[in-house]
PDB file of N, CA and C in Angstrom:
ATOM      1  N   UNK A   1     -18.791 215.637  38.524  1.00  0.00           N
ATOM      2  CA  UNK A   1     -20.189 216.075  38.566  1.00  0.00           C
ATOM      3  C   UNK A   1     -20.997 215.155  37.651  1.00  0.00           C
ATOM      4  N   UNK A   2     -22.032 214.620  38.180  1.00  0.00           N
ATOM      5  CA  UNK A   2     -22.857 213.690  37.404  1.00  0.00           C
ATOM      6  C   UNK A   2     -23.679 214.441  36.355  1.00  0.00           C
ATOM      7  N   UNK A   3     -24.089 213.705  35.338  1.00  0.00           N
ATOM      8  CA  UNK A   3     -24.930 214.288  34.293  1.00  0.00           C
ATOM      9  C   UNK A   3     -26.238 214.803  34.906  1.00  0.00           C
ATOM     10  N   UNK A   4     -26.739 214.115  35.905  1.00  0.00           N
ATOM     11  CA  UNK A   4     -27.975 214.521  36.564  1.00  0.00           C
ATOM     12  C   UNK A   4     -27.802 215.905  37.197  1.00  0.00           C
ATOM     13  N   UNK A   5     -26.697 216.139  37.910  1.00  0.00           N
ATOM     14  CA  UNK A   5     -26.470 217.446  38.527  1.00  0.00           C
ATOM     15  C   UNK A   5     -26.335 218.547  37.488  1.00  0.00           C
ATOM     16  N   UNK A   6     -25.649 218.251  36.382  1.00  0.00           N
ATOM     17  CA  UNK A   6     -25.495 219.250  35.327  1.00  0.00           C
ATOM     18  C   UNK A   6     -26.841 219.583  34.689  1.00  0.00           C
ATOM     19  N   UNK A   7     -27.655 218.557  34.455  1.00  0.00           N
ATOM     20  CA  UNK A   7     -28.977 218.776  33.877  1.00  0.00           C
ATOM     21  C   UNK A   7     -29.864 219.559  34.854  1.00  0.00           C
ATOM     22  N   UNK A   8     -29.811 219.184  36.130  1.00  0.00           N
ATOM     23  CA  UNK A   8     -30.584 219.883  37.136  1.00  0.00           C
ATOM     24  C   UNK A   8     -30.180 221.355  37.182  1.00  0.00           C
ATOM     25  N   UNK A   9     -28.883 221.628  37.128  1.00  0.00           N
ATOM     26  CA  UNK A   9     -28.424 223.030  37.157  1.00  0.00           C
ATOM     27  C   UNK A   9     -28.911 223.795  35.940  1.00  0.00           C
ATOM     28  N   UNK A  10     -28.858 223.178  34.766  1.00  0.00           N
ATOM     29  CA  UNK A  10     -29.319 223.857  33.545  1.00  0.00           C
ATOM     30  C   UNK A  10     -30.791 224.225  33.637  1.00  0.00           C
ATOM     31  N   UNK A  11     -31.601 223.298  34.128  1.00  0.00           N
ATOM     32  CA  UNK A  11     -33.030 223.591  34.278  1.00  0.00           C
ATOM     33  C   UNK A  11     -33.253 224.683  35.311  1.00  0.00           C
ATOM     34  N   UNK A  12     -32.596 224.572  36.461  1.00  0.00           N
ATOM     35  CA  UNK A  12     -32.746 225.559  37.527  1.00  0.00           C
ATOM     36  C   UNK A  12     -32.261 226.930  37.036  1.00  0.00           C
ATOM     37  N   UNK A  13     -31.178 226.952  36.297  1.00  0.00           N
ATOM     38  CA  UNK A  13     -30.630 228.187  35.796  1.00  0.00           C
ATOM     39  C   UNK A  13     -31.616 228.881  34.859  1.00  0.00           C
ATOM     40  N   UNK A  14     -32.246 228.107  33.986  1.00  0.00           N
ATOM     41  CA  UNK A  14     -33.239 228.675  33.082  1.00  0.00           C
ATOM     42  C   UNK A  14     -34.394 229.302  33.866  1.00  0.00           C
ATOM     43  N   UNK A  15     -34.900 228.584  34.838  1.00  0.00           N
ATOM     44  CA  UNK A  15     -36.020 229.088  35.638  1.00  0.00           C
ATOM     45  C   UNK A  15     -35.615 230.356  36.368  1.00  0.00           C
ATOM     46  N   UNK A  16     -34.472 230.323  37.070  1.00  0.00           N
ATOM     47  CA  UNK A  16     -34.069 231.477  37.873  1.00  0.00           C
ATOM     48  C   UNK A  16     -33.674 232.657  37.011  1.00  0.00           C
ATOM     49  N   UNK A  17     -32.832 232.440  36.018  1.00  0.00           N
ATOM     50  CA  UNK A  17     -32.272 233.561  35.258  1.00  0.00           C
ATOM     51  C   UNK A  17     -33.213 234.087  34.186  1.00  0.00           C
ATOM     52  N   UNK A  18     -34.143 233.289  33.721  1.00  0.00           N
ATOM     53  CA  UNK A  18     -35.047 233.718  32.665  1.00  0.00           C
ATOM     54  C   UNK A  18     -36.439 234.020  33.208  1.00  0.00           C
ATOM     55  N   UNK A  19     -37.065 233.046  33.813  1.00  0.00           N
ATOM     56  CA  UNK A  19     -38.455 233.212  34.233  1.00  0.00           C
ATOM     57  C   UNK A  19     -38.613 234.100  35.462  1.00  0.00           C
ATOM     58  N   UNK A  20     -37.811 233.905  36.508  1.00  0.00           N
ATOM     59  CA  UNK A  20     -37.928 234.727  37.709  1.00  0.00           C
ATOM     60  C   UNK A  20     -37.744 236.212  37.373  1.00  0.00           C
ATOM     61  N   UNK A  21     -36.818 236.482  36.473  1.00  0.00           N
ATOM     62  CA  UNK A  21     -36.544 237.871  36.120  1.00  0.00           C
ATOM     63  C   UNK A  21     -37.716 238.573  35.476  1.00  0.00           C
ATOM     64  N   UNK A  22     -38.612 237.806  34.863  1.00  0.00           N
ATOM     65  CA  UNK A  22     -39.797 238.400  34.251  1.00  0.00           C
ATOM     66  C   UNK A  22     -40.819 238.857  35.280  1.00  0.00           C
ATOM     67  N   UNK A  23     -40.843 238.182  36.442  1.00  0.00           N
ATOM     68  CA  UNK A  23     -41.888 238.426  37.420  1.00  0.00           C
ATOM     69  C   UNK A  23     -41.395 238.991  38.748  1.00  0.00           C
ATOM     70  N   UNK A  24     -40.104 238.865  39.004  1.00  0.00           N
ATOM     71  CA  UNK A  24     -39.578 239.291  40.312  1.00  0.00           C
ATOM     72  C   UNK A  24     -38.408 240.212  40.139  1.00  0.00           C
ATOM     73  N   UNK A  25     -38.424 241.288  40.863  1.00  0.00           N
ATOM     74  CA  UNK A  25     -37.284 242.190  40.926  1.00  0.00           C
ATOM     75  C   UNK A  25     -36.469 241.800  42.146  1.00  0.00           C
ATOM     76  N   UNK A  26     -35.266 241.245  41.980  1.00  0.00           N
ATOM     77  CA  UNK A  26     -34.522 240.764  43.130  1.00  0.00           C
ATOM     78  C   UNK A  26     -34.214 241.877  44.140  1.00  0.00           C
ATOM     79  N   UNK A  27     -34.020 243.097  43.676  1.00  0.00           N
ATOM     80  CA  UNK A  27     -33.736 244.205  44.597  1.00  0.00           C
ATOM     81  C   UNK A  27     -34.947 244.484  45.492  1.00  0.00           C
ATOM     82  N   UNK A  28     -36.122 244.453  44.902  1.00  0.00           N
ATOM     83  CA  UNK A  28     -37.357 244.705  45.657  1.00  0.00           C
ATOM     84  C   UNK A  28     -37.576 243.589  46.698  1.00  0.00           C
ATOM     85  N   UNK A  29     -37.389 242.343  46.280  1.00  0.00           N
ATOM     86  CA  UNK A  29     -37.560 241.203  47.192  1.00  0.00           C
ATOM     87  C   UNK A  29     -36.578 241.288  48.352  1.00  0.00           C
ATOM     88  N   UNK A  30     -35.308 241.584  48.053  1.00  0.00           N
ATOM     89  CA  UNK A  30     -34.279 241.644  49.092  1.00  0.00           C
ATOM     90  C   UNK A  30     -34.506 242.786  50.073  1.00  0.00           C
ATOM     91  N   UNK A  31     -34.890 243.934  49.550  1.00  0.00           N
ATOM     92  CA  UNK A  31     -35.168 245.068  50.453  1.00  0.00           C
ATOM     93  C   UNK A  31     -36.384 244.764  51.348  1.00  0.00           C
ATOM     94  N   UNK A  32     -37.391 244.120  50.778  1.00  0.00           N
ATOM     95  CA  UNK A  32     -38.555 243.724  51.571  1.00  0.00           C
ATOM     96  C   UNK A  32     -38.190 242.734  52.666  1.00  0.00           C
ATOM     97  N   UNK A  33     -37.157 241.947  52.430  1.00  0.00           N
ATOM     98  CA  UNK A  33     -36.670 240.969  53.424  1.00  0.00           C
ATOM     99  C   UNK A  33     -35.814 241.613  54.504  1.00  0.00           C
ATOM    100  N   UNK A  34     -35.549 242.905  54.371  1.00  0.00           N
ATOM    101  CA  UNK A  34     -34.794 243.619  55.399  1.00  0.00           C
ATOM    102  C   UNK A  34     -33.329 243.826  55.115  1.00  0.00           C
ATOM    103  N   UNK A  35     -32.910 243.572  53.889  1.00  0.00           N
ATOM    104  CA  UNK A  35     -31.493 243.750  53.516  1.00  0.00           C
ATOM    105  C   UNK A  35     -31.153 245.240  53.516  1.00  0.00           C
ATOM    106  N   UNK A  36     -29.993 245.560  54.133  1.00  0.00           N
ATOM    107  CA  UNK A  36     -29.586 246.965  54.261  1.00  0.00           C
ATOM    108  C   UNK A  36     -28.078 247.085  53.995  1.00  0.00           C
ATOM    109  N   UNK A  37     -27.640 248.285  53.637  1.00  0.00           N
ATOM    110  CA  UNK A  37     -26.198 248.501  53.459  1.00  0.00           C
ATOM    111  C   UNK A  37     -25.424 248.143  54.732  1.00  0.00           C
ATOM    112  N   UNK A  38     -24.254 247.589  54.522  1.00  0.00           N
ATOM    113  CA  UNK A  38     -23.356 247.260  55.626  1.00  0.00           C
ATOM    114  C   UNK A  38     -23.564 245.898  56.268  1.00  0.00           C
ATOM    115  N   UNK A  39     -24.590 245.174  55.877  1.00  0.00           N
ATOM    116  CA  UNK A  39     -24.864 243.876  56.496  1.00  0.00           C
ATOM    117  C   UNK A  39     -23.928 242.782  55.969  1.00  0.00           C
ATOM    118  N   UNK A  40     -23.749 241.768  56.821  1.00  0.00           N
ATOM    119  CA  UNK A  40     -23.039 240.543  56.447  1.00  0.00           C
ATOM    120  C   UNK A  40     -24.125 239.511  56.163  1.00  0.00           C
ATOM    121  N   UNK A  41     -24.174 239.016  54.946  1.00  0.00           N
ATOM    122  CA  UNK A  41     -25.295 238.195  54.490  1.00  0.00           C
ATOM    123  C   UNK A  41     -24.827 236.822  54.047  1.00  0.00           C
ATOM    124  N   UNK A  42     -25.611 235.808  54.410  1.00  0.00           N
ATOM    125  CA  UNK A  42     -25.389 234.436  53.991  1.00  0.00           C
ATOM    126  C   UNK A  42     -26.515 234.036  53.052  1.00  0.00           C
ATOM    127  N   UNK A  43     -26.167 233.600  51.850  1.00  0.00           N
ATOM    128  CA  UNK A  43     -27.148 233.104  50.907  1.00  0.00           C
ATOM    129  C   UNK A  43     -27.003 231.593  50.806  1.00  0.00           C
ATOM    130  N   UNK A  44     -27.985 230.871  51.282  1.00  0.00           N
ATOM    131  CA  UNK A  44     -27.967 229.406  51.326  1.00  0.00           C
ATOM    132  C   UNK A  44     -28.566 228.853  50.049  1.00  0.00           C
ATOM    133  N   UNK A  45     -27.819 228.015  49.344  1.00  0.00           N
ATOM    134  CA  UNK A  45     -28.321 227.426  48.107  1.00  0.00           C
ATOM    135  C   UNK A  45     -28.490 228.459  47.008  1.00  0.00           C
ATOM    136  N   UNK A  46     -27.381 229.112  46.655  1.00  0.00           N
ATOM    137  CA  UNK A  46     -27.444 230.241  45.706  1.00  0.00           C
ATOM    138  C   UNK A  46     -27.822 229.841  44.288  1.00  0.00           C
ATOM    139  N   UNK A  47     -27.714 228.557  43.939  1.00  0.00           N
ATOM    140  CA  UNK A  47     -28.056 228.147  42.577  1.00  0.00           C
ATOM    141  C   UNK A  47     -27.299 228.959  41.549  1.00  0.00           C
ATOM    142  N   UNK A  48     -27.991 229.485  40.535  1.00  0.00           N
ATOM    143  CA  UNK A  48     -27.316 230.264  39.499  1.00  0.00           C
ATOM    144  C   UNK A  48     -27.034 231.708  39.881  1.00  0.00           C
ATOM    145  N   UNK A  49     -27.344 232.092  41.113  1.00  0.00           N
ATOM    146  CA  UNK A  49     -26.965 233.418  41.593  1.00  0.00           C
ATOM    147  C   UNK A  49     -27.934 234.538  41.270  1.00  0.00           C
ATOM    148  N   UNK A  50     -29.222 234.234  41.134  1.00  0.00           N
ATOM    149  CA  UNK A  50     -30.214 235.270  40.837  1.00  0.00           C
ATOM    150  C   UNK A  50     -30.169 236.411  41.846  1.00  0.00           C
ATOM    151  N   UNK A  51     -29.918 236.069  43.119  1.00  0.00           N
ATOM    152  CA  UNK A  51     -29.908 237.070  44.178  1.00  0.00           C
ATOM    153  C   UNK A  51     -28.502 237.512  44.601  1.00  0.00           C
ATOM    154  N   UNK A  52     -27.460 236.811  44.196  1.00  0.00           N
ATOM    155  CA  UNK A  52     -26.121 237.042  44.735  1.00  0.00           C
ATOM    156  C   UNK A  52     -25.609 238.444  44.433  1.00  0.00           C
ATOM    157  N   UNK A  53     -25.600 238.839  43.193  1.00  0.00           N
ATOM    158  CA  UNK A  53     -25.061 240.160  42.826  1.00  0.00           C
ATOM    159  C   UNK A  53     -25.971 241.275  43.347  1.00  0.00           C
ATOM    160  N   UNK A  54     -27.297 241.171  43.204  1.00  0.00           N
ATOM    161  CA  UNK A  54     -28.130 242.216  43.825  1.00  0.00           C
ATOM    162  C   UNK A  54     -27.891 242.338  45.336  1.00  0.00           C
ATOM    163  N   UNK A  55     -27.695 241.224  46.025  1.00  0.00           N
ATOM    164  CA  UNK A  55     -27.418 241.264  47.465  1.00  0.00           C
ATOM    165  C   UNK A  55     -26.126 242.045  47.708  1.00  0.00           C
ATOM    166  N   UNK A  56     -25.089 241.716  46.970  1.00  0.00           N
ATOM    167  CA  UNK A  56     -23.795 242.392  47.134  1.00  0.00           C
ATOM    168  C   UNK A  56     -23.913 243.887  46.858  1.00  0.00           C
ATOM    169  N   UNK A  57     -24.694 244.256  45.886  1.00  0.00           N
ATOM    170  CA  UNK A  57     -24.831 245.680  45.573  1.00  0.00           C
ATOM    171  C   UNK A  57     -25.636 246.412  46.646  1.00  0.00           C
ATOM    172  N   UNK A  58     -26.641 245.770  47.214  1.00  0.00           N
ATOM    173  CA  UNK A  58     -27.422 246.429  48.264  1.00  0.00           C
ATOM    174  C   UNK A  58     -26.586 246.614  49.526  1.00  0.00           C
ATOM    175  N   UNK A  59     -25.849 245.596  49.942  1.00  0.00           N
ATOM    176  CA  UNK A  59     -25.056 245.717  51.183  1.00  0.00           C
ATOM    177  C   UNK A  59     -23.840 246.615  50.982  1.00  0.00           C
ATOM    178  N   UNK A  60     -23.413 246.794  49.751  1.00  0.00           N
ATOM    179  CA  UNK A  60     -22.321 247.703  49.443  1.00  0.00           C
ATOM    180  C   UNK A  60     -20.974 247.218  49.928  1.00  0.00           C
ATOM    181  N   UNK A  61     -19.970 248.051  49.730  1.00  0.00           N
ATOM    182  CA  UNK A  61     -18.597 247.671  50.109  1.00  0.00           C
ATOM    183  C   UNK A  61     -18.404 247.526  51.606  1.00  0.00           C
ATOM    184  N   UNK A  62     -19.247 248.146  52.411  1.00  0.00           N
ATOM    185  CA  UNK A  62     -19.154 247.972  53.862  1.00  0.00           C
ATOM    186  C   UNK A  62     -19.738 246.635  54.317  1.00  0.00           C
ATOM    187  N   UNK A  63     -20.516 246.022  53.477  1.00  0.00           N
ATOM    188  CA  UNK A  63     -21.105 244.720  53.787  1.00  0.00           C
ATOM    189  C   UNK A  63     -20.402 243.607  53.040  1.00  0.00           C
ATOM    190  N   UNK A  64     -20.898 242.390  53.248  1.00  0.00           N
ATOM    191  CA  UNK A  64     -20.307 241.247  52.562  1.00  0.00           C
ATOM    192  C   UNK A  64     -21.352 240.163  52.342  1.00  0.00           C
ATOM    193  N   UNK A  65     -21.095 239.334  51.342  1.00  0.00           N
ATOM    194  CA  UNK A  65     -22.006 238.242  51.005  1.00  0.00           C
ATOM    195  C   UNK A  65     -21.189 236.964  50.892  1.00  0.00           C
ATOM    196  N   UNK A  66     -21.644 235.942  51.584  1.00  0.00           N
ATOM    197  CA  UNK A  66     -21.124 234.604  51.391  1.00  0.00           C
ATOM    198  C   UNK A  66     -22.269 233.770  50.856  1.00  0.00           C
ATOM    199  N   UNK A  67     -22.143 233.317  49.621  1.00  0.00           N
ATOM    200  CA  UNK A  67     -23.160 232.478  48.996  1.00  0.00           C
ATOM    201  C   UNK A  67     -22.588 231.078  48.867  1.00  0.00           C
ATOM    202  N   UNK A  68     -23.446 230.083  49.071  1.00  0.00           N
ATOM    203  CA  UNK A  68     -22.960 228.734  48.856  1.00  0.00           C
ATOM    204  C   UNK A  68     -24.014 227.847  48.223  1.00  0.00           C
ATOM    205  N   UNK A  69     -23.504 226.788  47.608  1.00  0.00           N
ATOM    206  CA  UNK A  69     -24.379 225.790  46.992  1.00  0.00           C
ATOM    207  C   UNK A  69     -23.627 224.470  47.049  1.00  0.00           C
ATOM    208  N   UNK A  70     -24.378 223.387  47.090  1.00  0.00           N
ATOM    209  CA  UNK A  70     -23.772 222.056  47.127  1.00  0.00           C
ATOM    210  C   UNK A  70     -23.310 221.620  45.734  1.00  0.00           C
ATOM    211  N   UNK A  71     -23.801 222.283  44.687  1.00  0.00           N
ATOM    212  CA  UNK A  71     -23.492 221.927  43.309  1.00  0.00           C
ATOM    213  C   UNK A  71     -22.292 222.730  42.810  1.00  0.00           C
ATOM    214  N   UNK A  72     -21.159 222.081  42.540  1.00  0.00           N
ATOM    215  CA  UNK A  72     -19.975 222.791  42.057  1.00  0.00           C
ATOM    216  C   UNK A  72     -20.190 223.516  40.727  1.00  0.00           C
ATOM    217  N   UNK A  73     -21.082 223.013  39.887  1.00  0.00           N
ATOM    218  CA  UNK A  73     -21.382 223.672  38.620  1.00  0.00           C
ATOM    219  C   UNK A  73     -22.019 225.036  38.898  1.00  0.00           C
ATOM    220  N   UNK A  74     -22.932 225.082  39.834  1.00  0.00           N
ATOM    221  CA  UNK A  74     -23.569 226.351  40.217  1.00  0.00           C
ATOM    222  C   UNK A  74     -22.554 227.326  40.788  1.00  0.00           C
ATOM    223  N   UNK A  75     -21.687 226.834  41.649  1.00  0.00           N
ATOM    224  CA  UNK A  75     -20.674 227.700  42.275  1.00  0.00           C
ATOM    225  C   UNK A  75     -19.779 228.319  41.225  1.00  0.00           C
ATOM    226  N   UNK A  76     -19.294 227.533  40.279  1.00  0.00           N
ATOM    227  CA  UNK A  76     -18.435 228.076  39.224  1.00  0.00           C
ATOM    228  C   UNK A  76     -19.188 229.107  38.390  1.00  0.00           C
ATOM    229  N   UNK A  77     -20.437 228.838  38.099  1.00  0.00           N
ATOM    230  CA  UNK A  77     -21.267 229.781  37.344  1.00  0.00           C
ATOM    231  C   UNK A  77     -21.383 231.118  38.066  1.00  0.00           C
ATOM    232  N   UNK A  78     -21.674 231.055  39.353  1.00  0.00           N
ATOM    233  CA  UNK A  78     -21.831 232.291  40.142  1.00  0.00           C
ATOM    234  C   UNK A  78     -20.497 233.014  40.283  1.00  0.00           C
ATOM    235  N   UNK A  79     -19.410 232.293  40.481  1.00  0.00           N
ATOM    236  CA  UNK A  79     -18.089 232.930  40.533  1.00  0.00           C
ATOM    237  C   UNK A  79     -17.821 233.733  39.264  1.00  0.00           C
ATOM    238  N   UNK A  80     -18.154 233.140  38.145  1.00  0.00           N
ATOM    239  CA  UNK A  80     -17.958 233.840  36.860  1.00  0.00           C
ATOM    240  C   UNK A  80     -18.834 235.091  36.787  1.00  0.00           C
ATOM    241  N   UNK A  81     -20.079 234.992  37.199  1.00  0.00           N
ATOM    242  CA  UNK A  81     -20.972 236.143  37.199  1.00  0.00           C
ATOM    243  C   UNK A  81     -20.450 237.257  38.093  1.00  0.00           C
ATOM    244  N   UNK A  82     -19.951 236.899  39.265  1.00  0.00           N
ATOM    245  CA  UNK A  82     -19.424 237.882  40.214  1.00  0.00           C
ATOM    246  C   UNK A  82     -18.223 238.602  39.596  1.00  0.00           C
ATOM    247  N   UNK A  83     -17.337 237.834  38.985  1.00  0.00           N
ATOM    248  CA  UNK A  83     -16.151 238.407  38.353  1.00  0.00           C
ATOM    249  C   UNK A  83     -16.553 239.341  37.204  1.00  0.00           C
ATOM    250  N   UNK A  84     -17.451 238.883  36.352  1.00  0.00           N
ATOM    251  CA  UNK A  84     -17.914 239.700  35.215  1.00  0.00           C
ATOM    252  C   UNK A  84     -18.544 241.007  35.666  1.00  0.00           C
ATOM    253  N   UNK A  85     -19.266 240.957  36.805  1.00  0.00           N
ATOM    254  CA  UNK A  85     -19.961 242.147  37.305  1.00  0.00           C
ATOM    255  C   UNK A  85     -19.020 243.087  38.065  1.00  0.00           C
ATOM    256  N   UNK A  86     -17.802 242.639  38.335  1.00  0.00           N
ATOM    257  CA  UNK A  86     -16.863 243.472  39.087  1.00  0.00           C
ATOM    258  C   UNK A  86     -17.199 243.597  40.553  1.00  0.00           C
ATOM    259  N   UNK A  87     -17.954 242.642  41.075  1.00  0.00           N
ATOM    260  CA  UNK A  87     -18.358 242.655  42.482  1.00  0.00           C
ATOM    261  C   UNK A  87     -17.190 242.146  43.324  1.00  0.00           C
ATOM    262  N   UNK A  88     -16.827 242.900  44.368  1.00  0.00           N
ATOM    263  CA  UNK A  88     -15.680 242.524  45.193  1.00  0.00           C
ATOM    264  C   UNK A  88     -16.046 242.138  46.631  1.00  0.00           C
ATOM    265  N   UNK A  89     -17.305 242.307  46.994  1.00  0.00           N
ATOM    266  CA  UNK A  89     -17.696 242.023  48.387  1.00  0.00           C
ATOM    267  C   UNK A  89     -18.516 240.733  48.508  1.00  0.00           C
ATOM    268  N   UNK A  90     -18.433 239.878  47.501  1.00  0.00           N
ATOM    269  CA  UNK A  90     -19.158 238.581  47.546  1.00  0.00           C
ATOM    270  C   UNK A  90     -18.205 237.460  47.189  1.00  0.00           C
ATOM    271  N   UNK A  91     -18.414 236.356  47.868  1.00  0.00           N
ATOM    272  CA  UNK A  91     -17.689 235.143  47.506  1.00  0.00           C
ATOM    273  C   UNK A  91     -18.647 233.984  47.543  1.00  0.00           C
ATOM    274  N   UNK A  92     -18.318 232.938  46.801  1.00  0.00           N
ATOM    275  CA  UNK A  92     -19.209 231.772  46.705  1.00  0.00           C
ATOM    276  C   UNK A  92     -18.356 230.525  46.885  1.00  0.00           C
ATOM    277  N   UNK A  93     -18.911 229.601  47.646  1.00  0.00           N
ATOM    278  CA  UNK A  93     -18.186 228.351  47.969  1.00  0.00           C
ATOM    279  C   UNK A  93     -19.099 227.144  47.783  1.00  0.00           C
ATOM    280  N   UNK A  94     -18.479 225.993  47.610  1.00  0.00           N
ATOM    281  CA  UNK A  94     -19.223 224.746  47.629  1.00  0.00           C
ATOM    282  C   UNK A  94     -19.397 224.341  49.072  1.00  0.00           C
ATOM    283  N   UNK A  95     -20.639 224.144  49.496  1.00  0.00           N
ATOM    284  CA  UNK A  95     -20.910 223.724  50.878  1.00  0.00           C
ATOM    285  C   UNK A  95     -22.273 223.071  50.958  1.00  0.00           C
ATOM    286  N   UNK A  96     -22.435 222.258  51.968  1.00  0.00           N
ATOM    287  CA  UNK A  96     -23.678 221.566  52.265  1.00  0.00           C
ATOM    288  C   UNK A  96     -24.408 222.354  53.360  1.00  0.00           C
ATOM    289  N   UNK A  97     -25.633 222.705  53.149  1.00  0.00           N
ATOM    290  CA  UNK A  97     -26.389 223.514  54.124  1.00  0.00           C
ATOM    291  C   UNK A  97     -26.516 222.849  55.482  1.00  0.00           C
ATOM    292  N   UNK A  98     -26.384 221.534  55.538  1.00  0.00           N
ATOM    293  CA  UNK A  98     -26.518 220.846  56.815  1.00  0.00           C
ATOM    294  C   UNK A  98     -25.200 220.782  57.576  1.00  0.00           C
ATOM    295  N   UNK A  99     -24.076 221.148  56.931  1.00  0.00           N
ATOM    296  CA  UNK A  99     -22.770 221.087  57.580  1.00  0.00           C
ATOM    297  C   UNK A  99     -21.866 222.203  57.112  1.00  0.00           C
ATOM    298  N   UNK A 100     -22.200 223.431  57.394  1.00  0.00           N
ATOM    299  CA  UNK A 100     -21.378 224.543  56.905  1.00  0.00           C
ATOM    300  C   UNK A 100     -20.155 224.819  57.753  1.00  0.00           C
ATOM    301  N   UNK A 101     -20.226 224.498  59.040  1.00  0.00           N
ATOM    302  CA  UNK A 101     -19.157 224.787  59.996  1.00  0.00           C
ATOM    303  C   UNK A 101     -18.846 226.280  60.092  1.00  0.00           C
ATOM    304  N   UNK A 102     -19.837 227.106  59.763  1.00  0.00           N
ATOM    305  CA  UNK A 102     -19.673 228.562  59.911  1.00  0.00           C
ATOM    306  C   UNK A 102     -19.888 228.928  61.370  1.00  0.00           C
ATOM    307  N   UNK A 103     -19.131 229.912  61.871  1.00  0.00           N
ATOM    308  CA  UNK A 103     -19.291 230.318  63.279  1.00  0.00           C
ATOM    309  C   UNK A 103     -20.685 230.894  63.537  1.00  0.00           C
ATOM    310  N   UNK A 104     -21.217 230.611  64.703  1.00  0.00           N
ATOM    311  CA  UNK A 104     -22.521 231.154  65.106  1.00  0.00           C
ATOM    312  C   UNK A 104     -22.470 232.680  65.107  1.00  0.00           C
ATOM    313  N   UNK A 105     -23.578 233.265  64.726  1.00  0.00           N
ATOM    314  CA  UNK A 105     -23.749 234.723  64.733  1.00  0.00           C
ATOM    315  C   UNK A 105     -22.714 235.462  63.891  1.00  0.00           C
ATOM    316  N   UNK A 106     -22.285 234.853  62.810  1.00  0.00           N
ATOM    317  CA  UNK A 106     -21.300 235.532  61.947  1.00  0.00           C
ATOM    318  C   UNK A 106     -21.974 236.295  60.787  1.00  0.00           C
ATOM    319  N   UNK A 107     -23.324 236.275  60.768  1.00  0.00           N
ATOM    320  CA  UNK A 107     -24.048 236.995  59.717  1.00  0.00           C
ATOM    321  C   UNK A 107     -25.196 237.789  60.343  1.00  0.00           C
ATOM    322  N   UNK A 108     -25.519 238.908  59.700  1.00  0.00           N
ATOM    323  CA  UNK A 108     -26.653 239.710  60.150  1.00  0.00           C
ATOM    324  C   UNK A 108     -27.964 239.173  59.579  1.00  0.00           C
ATOM    325  N   UNK A 109     -27.872 238.548  58.419  1.00  0.00           N
ATOM    326  CA  UNK A 109     -29.063 238.051  57.750  1.00  0.00           C
ATOM    327  C   UNK A 109     -28.690 236.837  56.916  1.00  0.00           C
ATOM    328  N   UNK A 110     -29.535 235.842  56.929  1.00  0.00           N
ATOM    329  CA  UNK A 110     -29.338 234.663  56.075  1.00  0.00           C
ATOM    330  C   UNK A 110     -30.648 234.413  55.340  1.00  0.00           C
ATOM    331  N   UNK A 111     -30.548 233.977  54.101  1.00  0.00           N
ATOM    332  CA  UNK A 111     -31.783 233.668  53.365  1.00  0.00           C
ATOM    333  C   UNK A 111     -31.597 232.482  52.444  1.00  0.00           C
ATOM    334  N   UNK A 112     -32.736 231.859  52.161  1.00  0.00           N
ATOM    335  CA  UNK A 112     -32.851 230.754  51.216  1.00  0.00           C
ATOM    336  C   UNK A 112     -33.986 231.115  50.283  1.00  0.00           C
ATOM    337  N   UNK A 113     -33.771 230.967  48.998  1.00  0.00           N
ATOM    338  CA  UNK A 113     -34.854 231.211  48.065  1.00  0.00           C
ATOM    339  C   UNK A 113     -34.851 230.132  47.000  1.00  0.00           C
ATOM    340  N   UNK A 114     -35.949 229.443  46.850  1.00  0.00           N
ATOM    341  CA  UNK A 114     -36.111 228.489  45.761  1.00  0.00           C
ATOM    342  C   UNK A 114     -35.231 227.271  45.820  1.00  0.00           C
ATOM    343  N   UNK A 115     -34.860 226.846  47.006  1.00  0.00           N
ATOM    344  CA  UNK A 115     -34.026 225.650  47.137  1.00  0.00           C
ATOM    345  C   UNK A 115     -34.813 224.461  46.609  1.00  0.00           C
ATOM    346  N   UNK A 116     -34.224 223.771  45.642  1.00  0.00           N
ATOM    347  CA  UNK A 116     -34.951 222.695  44.955  1.00  0.00           C
ATOM    348  C   UNK A 116     -34.823 221.335  45.627  1.00  0.00           C
ATOM    349  N   UNK A 117     -33.935 221.211  46.587  1.00  0.00           N
ATOM    350  CA  UNK A 117     -33.745 219.927  47.275  1.00  0.00           C
ATOM    351  C   UNK A 117     -33.978 220.091  48.762  1.00  0.00           C
ATOM    352  N   UNK A 118     -34.498 219.066  49.399  1.00  0.00           N
ATOM    353  CA  UNK A 118     -34.697 219.146  50.854  1.00  0.00           C
ATOM    354  C   UNK A 118     -33.369 219.204  51.588  1.00  0.00           C
ATOM    355  N   UNK A 119     -33.362 219.918  52.705  1.00  0.00           N
ATOM    356  CA  UNK A 119     -32.180 220.020  53.558  1.00  0.00           C
ATOM    357  C   UNK A 119     -32.371 219.066  54.725  1.00  0.00           C
ATOM    358  N   UNK A 120     -31.368 218.262  54.993  1.00  0.00           N
ATOM    359  CA  UNK A 120     -31.446 217.385  56.160  1.00  0.00           C
ATOM    360  C   UNK A 120     -31.556 215.937  55.824  1.00  0.00           C
TER     361      UNK A 120
END
């Protein structure tokens, strides 16, 4: 991982985990987006995971969350957060949004929030 990616993640993490939390309630945003219990959800570009655990809690054990990010530092950070929170219905992987190779129609809802880099 390059120093640039690590620095980018640190800055993004500060913005998402500190500043967004002051002004945005992730549960309120996700419910307004149509998130419901039992859904299979894809989070594209999860970054530091501001929405990952709230998403997993809203969909509950009957639902599931697959979060991904192209930055391995972000993925490890979110994996640690998931483990610390005791969340069992979410997983996070390193993936490129332009080449996920995920099967069509394998999710009920997909979302992107605050992606800092262009896709494509």
